Amino acid sequence: MNLYKTPKWIRKRIVILKRDEYMCRECKRYGKTTAATTVHHVIPVEKDLKLAFVNNNLLSLCASCHDAMHDRITNELTALGSLWVTRLGLSPHLEK
């Protein structure tokens, strides 16, 4: 089953977008007001499924910033994506 089509994810996505006032948190760091269209898993689901619904692991982003978090060829986090892991004090083994 695709996580992103489940009712649980759809509800969680709305909660996170509301929490972040529907604004991209990466753009906000630079004083920009860009609408968020995506909820990003700071620690990717493929790395730690336990964090899939943990609020602190979720970040509202615009499409451009979301693309900058992942290397789309290797599917690994970019330096920017890794920076958010550090910034939020997360690790792949963080418990709820």
N, C-alpha and C. Protein backbone atom coordinates (compact mmCIF):
# COMPACT_ATOMS: atom_id res chain seq x y z
N MET A 1 0.84 -1.19 0.00
CA MET A 1 0.00 0.00 0.00
C MET A 1 0.88 1.25 0.00
N ASN A 2 0.47 2.22 -0.74
CA ASN A 2 1.19 3.50 -0.84
C ASN A 2 0.85 4.36 0.38
N LEU A 3 1.85 4.64 1.19
CA LEU A 3 1.69 5.45 2.41
C LEU A 3 0.97 6.76 2.12
N TYR A 4 1.30 7.39 1.00
CA TYR A 4 0.80 8.73 0.71
C TYR A 4 -0.66 8.76 0.27
N LYS A 5 -1.28 7.61 0.11
CA LYS A 5 -2.69 7.56 -0.26
C LYS A 5 -3.57 7.14 0.92
N THR A 6 -2.96 6.87 2.07
CA THR A 6 -3.73 6.42 3.22
C THR A 6 -4.42 7.59 3.91
N PRO A 7 -5.59 7.34 4.50
CA PRO A 7 -6.27 8.41 5.24
C PRO A 7 -5.40 8.97 6.37
N LYS A 8 -4.62 8.11 7.01
CA LYS A 8 -3.76 8.57 8.10
C LYS A 8 -2.75 9.60 7.59
N TRP A 9 -2.13 9.35 6.43
CA TRP A 9 -1.16 10.30 5.88
C TRP A 9 -1.86 11.59 5.43
N ILE A 10 -3.00 11.46 4.81
CA ILE A 10 -3.73 12.63 4.32
C ILE A 10 -4.05 13.56 5.50
N ARG A 11 -4.49 12.99 6.62
CA ARG A 11 -4.76 13.80 7.82
C ARG A 11 -3.48 14.41 8.38
N LYS A 12 -2.42 13.61 8.46
CA LYS A 12 -1.15 14.10 9.02
C LYS A 12 -0.60 15.24 8.16
N ARG A 13 -0.68 15.10 6.85
CA ARG A 13 -0.19 16.14 5.93
C ARG A 13 -0.87 17.47 6.22
N ILE A 14 -2.18 17.44 6.41
CA ILE A 14 -2.93 18.66 6.70
C ILE A 14 -2.48 19.25 8.04
N VAL A 15 -2.29 18.42 9.04
CA VAL A 15 -1.83 18.88 10.36
C VAL A 15 -0.49 19.61 10.22
N ILE A 16 0.44 19.04 9.47
CA ILE A 16 1.78 19.63 9.33
C ILE A 16 1.71 20.92 8.51
N LEU A 17 0.96 20.93 7.44
CA LEU A 17 0.82 22.16 6.65
C LEU A 17 0.22 23.28 7.49
N LYS A 18 -0.80 22.96 8.30
CA LYS A 18 -1.39 23.96 9.18
C LYS A 18 -0.38 24.44 10.21
N ARG A 19 0.37 23.49 10.81
CA ARG A 19 1.38 23.85 11.81
C ARG A 19 2.36 24.87 11.24
N ASP A 20 2.75 24.67 10.00
CA ASP A 20 3.74 25.54 9.35
C ASP A 20 3.08 26.70 8.58
N GLU A 21 1.79 26.90 8.84
CA GLU A 21 1.02 27.99 8.23
C GLU A 21 1.07 27.95 6.70
N TYR A 22 1.15 26.75 6.14
CA TYR A 22 1.15 26.53 4.69
C TYR A 22 2.30 27.24 3.99
N MET A 23 3.39 27.48 4.73
CA MET A 23 4.56 28.16 4.18
C MET A 23 5.76 27.23 4.18
N CYS A 24 6.61 27.36 3.18
CA CYS A 24 7.83 26.58 3.06
C CYS A 24 8.80 27.00 4.17
N ARG A 25 9.20 26.03 4.98
CA ARG A 25 10.09 26.35 6.11
C ARG A 25 11.51 26.66 5.66
N GLU A 26 11.95 26.10 4.55
CA GLU A 26 13.29 26.42 4.05
C GLU A 26 13.31 27.84 3.50
N CYS A 27 12.34 28.21 2.71
CA CYS A 27 12.28 29.58 2.19
C CYS A 27 12.15 30.59 3.32
N LYS A 28 11.37 30.24 4.35
CA LYS A 28 11.15 31.13 5.48
C LYS A 28 12.46 31.49 6.18
N ARG A 29 13.42 30.56 6.18
CA ARG A 29 14.73 30.82 6.79
C ARG A 29 15.42 32.02 6.15
N TYR A 30 15.08 32.29 4.90
CA TYR A 30 15.71 33.38 4.14
C TYR A 30 14.77 34.57 3.96
N GLY A 31 13.71 34.61 4.75
CA GLY A 31 12.79 35.74 4.71
C GLY A 31 11.80 35.71 3.56
N LYS A 32 11.73 34.59 2.84
CA LYS A 32 10.79 34.48 1.72
C LYS A 32 9.47 33.88 2.22
N THR A 33 8.40 34.26 1.57
CA THR A 33 7.10 33.68 1.87
C THR A 33 6.63 32.91 0.65
N THR A 34 6.91 31.61 0.67
CA THR A 34 6.56 30.73 -0.44
C THR A 34 5.58 29.68 0.06
N ALA A 35 4.53 29.46 -0.69
CA ALA A 35 3.53 28.48 -0.29
C ALA A 35 4.13 27.07 -0.28
N ALA A 36 3.84 26.32 0.76
CA ALA A 36 4.26 24.93 0.85
C ALA A 36 3.26 24.05 0.11
N THR A 37 3.78 23.12 -0.68
CA THR A 37 2.93 22.20 -1.42
C THR A 37 3.21 20.74 -1.04
N THR A 38 4.27 20.52 -0.27
CA THR A 38 4.73 19.17 0.04
C THR A 38 5.05 19.07 1.52
N VAL A 39 4.83 17.88 2.09
CA VAL A 39 5.32 17.59 3.43
C VAL A 39 6.45 16.59 3.28
N HIS A 40 7.61 17.00 3.70
CA HIS A 40 8.86 16.24 3.53
C HIS A 40 9.19 15.44 4.78
N HIS A 41 9.62 14.19 4.59
CA HIS A 41 10.16 13.37 5.68
C HIS A 41 11.64 13.70 5.81
N VAL A 42 12.03 14.33 6.90
CA VAL A 42 13.42 14.71 7.11
C VAL A 42 14.29 13.45 7.11
N ILE A 43 13.92 12.46 7.90
CA ILE A 43 14.51 11.12 7.80
C ILE A 43 13.58 10.37 6.85
N PRO A 44 14.05 9.99 5.66
CA PRO A 44 13.17 9.33 4.68
C PRO A 44 12.51 8.07 5.23
N VAL A 45 11.31 7.82 4.78
CA VAL A 45 10.55 6.64 5.18
C VAL A 45 11.35 5.36 4.92
N GLU A 46 12.11 5.35 3.82
CA GLU A 46 12.90 4.17 3.48
C GLU A 46 14.00 3.90 4.51
N LYS A 47 14.41 4.93 5.23
CA LYS A 47 15.47 4.80 6.25
C LYS A 47 14.91 4.40 7.61
N ASP A 48 13.71 4.89 7.94
CA ASP A 48 13.13 4.60 9.25
C ASP A 48 11.62 4.80 9.19
N LEU A 49 10.89 3.72 8.96
CA LEU A 49 9.43 3.77 8.83
C LEU A 49 8.76 4.23 10.12
N LYS A 50 9.41 4.01 11.26
CA LYS A 50 8.83 4.43 12.55
C LYS A 50 8.62 5.94 12.61
N LEU A 51 9.36 6.68 11.81
CA LEU A 51 9.28 8.14 11.84
C LEU A 51 8.30 8.72 10.82
N ALA A 52 7.60 7.86 10.12
CA ALA A 52 6.73 8.31 9.03
C ALA A 52 5.67 9.31 9.46
N PHE A 53 5.18 9.19 10.71
CA PHE A 53 4.10 10.06 11.17
C PHE A 53 4.51 10.92 12.38
N VAL A 54 5.79 11.00 12.66
CA VAL A 54 6.28 11.80 13.79
C VAL A 54 6.39 13.26 13.37
N ASN A 55 5.68 14.13 14.05
CA ASN A 55 5.61 15.55 13.66
C ASN A 55 6.98 16.18 13.49
N ASN A 56 7.90 15.90 14.39
CA ASN A 56 9.22 16.53 14.33
C ASN A 56 10.03 16.08 13.12
N ASN A 57 9.61 15.00 12.48
CA ASN A 57 10.30 14.49 11.29
C ASN A 57 9.68 15.02 10.00
N LEU A 58 8.67 15.86 10.11
CA LEU A 58 7.93 16.34 8.94
C LEU A 58 8.08 17.85 8.79
N LEU A 59 8.22 18.27 7.55
CA LEU A 59 8.57 19.65 7.23
C LEU A 59 7.78 20.09 6.00
N SER A 60 7.10 21.21 6.09
CA SER A 60 6.39 21.77 4.94
C SER A 60 7.37 22.48 4.03
N LEU A 61 7.33 22.14 2.74
CA LEU A 61 8.26 22.71 1.76
C LEU A 61 7.54 23.04 0.46
N CYS A 62 8.10 23.98 -0.28
CA CYS A 62 7.65 24.22 -1.65
C CYS A 62 8.29 23.13 -2.53
N ALA A 63 7.82 22.98 -3.74
CA ALA A 63 8.33 21.93 -4.63
C ALA A 63 9.83 22.08 -4.90
N SER A 64 10.27 23.31 -5.09
CA SER A 64 11.67 23.56 -5.39
C SER A 64 12.58 23.16 -4.22
N CYS A 65 12.20 23.54 -3.02
CA CYS A 65 13.01 23.17 -1.85
C CYS A 65 12.95 21.67 -1.59
N HIS A 66 11.79 21.07 -1.83
CA HIS A 66 11.70 19.62 -1.64
C HIS A 66 12.64 18.90 -2.60
N ASP A 67 12.68 19.33 -3.83
CA ASP A 67 13.60 18.72 -4.79
C ASP A 67 15.05 18.88 -4.36
N ALA A 68 15.36 19.98 -3.67
CA ALA A 68 16.73 20.24 -3.22
C ALA A 68 17.13 19.36 -2.03
N MET A 69 16.17 18.69 -1.41
CA MET A 69 16.46 17.83 -0.25
C MET A 69 16.95 16.44 -0.64
N HIS A 70 16.66 16.01 -1.86
CA HIS A 70 16.95 14.66 -2.31
C HIS A 70 17.77 14.67 -3.59
N ASP A 71 18.71 13.76 -3.71
CA ASP A 71 19.35 13.49 -5.00
C ASP A 71 18.42 12.52 -5.72
N ARG A 72 17.79 12.98 -6.77
CA ARG A 72 16.77 12.17 -7.44
C ARG A 72 17.36 10.96 -8.18
N ILE A 73 18.66 10.93 -8.39
CA ILE A 73 19.30 9.78 -9.04
C ILE A 73 19.60 8.69 -8.02
N THR A 74 20.21 9.07 -6.90
CA THR A 74 20.60 8.07 -5.89
C THR A 74 19.54 7.89 -4.81
N ASN A 75 18.56 8.79 -4.76
CA ASN A 75 17.51 8.79 -3.74
C ASN A 75 18.06 9.03 -2.33
N GLU A 76 19.27 9.57 -2.24
CA GLU A 76 19.87 9.91 -0.94
C GLU A 76 19.61 11.38 -0.63
N LEU A 77 19.71 11.73 0.64
CA LEU A 77 19.58 13.13 1.03
C LEU A 77 20.76 13.93 0.49
N THR A 78 20.49 15.15 0.10
CA THR A 78 21.56 16.06 -0.31
C THR A 78 22.16 16.67 0.95
N ALA A 79 23.16 17.52 0.78
CA ALA A 79 23.74 18.22 1.93
C ALA A 79 22.67 19.05 2.65
N LEU A 80 21.78 19.68 1.89
CA LEU A 80 20.70 20.46 2.49
C LEU A 80 19.76 19.56 3.28
N GLY A 81 19.41 18.42 2.71
CA GLY A 81 18.55 17.47 3.42
C GLY A 81 19.19 16.99 4.70
N SER A 82 20.48 16.70 4.65
CA SER A 82 21.22 16.26 5.84
C SER A 82 21.31 17.37 6.89
N LEU A 83 21.40 18.61 6.42
CA LEU A 83 21.45 19.74 7.34
C LEU A 83 20.18 19.82 8.18
N TRP A 84 19.03 19.55 7.57
CA TRP A 84 17.77 19.56 8.31
C TRP A 84 17.73 18.43 9.34
N VAL A 85 18.32 17.28 9.03
CA VAL A 85 18.39 16.18 10.00
C VAL A 85 19.13 16.68 11.24
N THR A 86 20.26 17.33 11.02
CA THR A 86 21.07 17.86 12.12
C THR A 86 20.34 18.98 12.84
N ARG A 87 19.77 19.90 12.08
CA ARG A 87 19.07 21.06 12.64
C ARG A 87 17.95 20.63 13.58
N LEU A 88 17.24 19.58 13.22
CA LEU A 88 16.11 19.12 14.03
C LEU A 88 16.53 18.09 15.07
N GLY A 89 17.81 17.74 15.08
CA GLY A 89 18.32 16.80 16.09
C GLY A 89 17.76 15.40 15.92
N LEU A 90 17.55 15.00 14.68
CA LEU A 90 16.97 13.69 14.41
C LEU A 90 18.05 12.65 14.10
N SER A 91 17.68 11.41 14.29
CA SER A 91 18.51 10.30 13.84
C SER A 91 17.57 9.23 13.35
N PRO A 92 18.04 8.33 12.48
CA PRO A 92 17.14 7.31 11.93
C PRO A 92 16.56 6.37 12.98
N HIS A 93 17.07 6.39 14.19
CA HIS A 93 16.59 5.46 15.21
C HIS A 93 15.81 6.18 16.31
N LEU A 94 15.39 7.43 16.05
CA LEU A 94 14.63 8.20 17.02
C LEU A 94 13.29 7.52 17.29
N GLU A 95 12.94 7.39 18.53
CA GLU A 95 11.65 6.81 18.90
C GLU A 95 10.60 7.92 18.99
N LYS A 96 9.33 7.55 18.90
CA LYS A 96 8.24 8.52 18.99
C LYS A 96 8.22 9.18 20.36
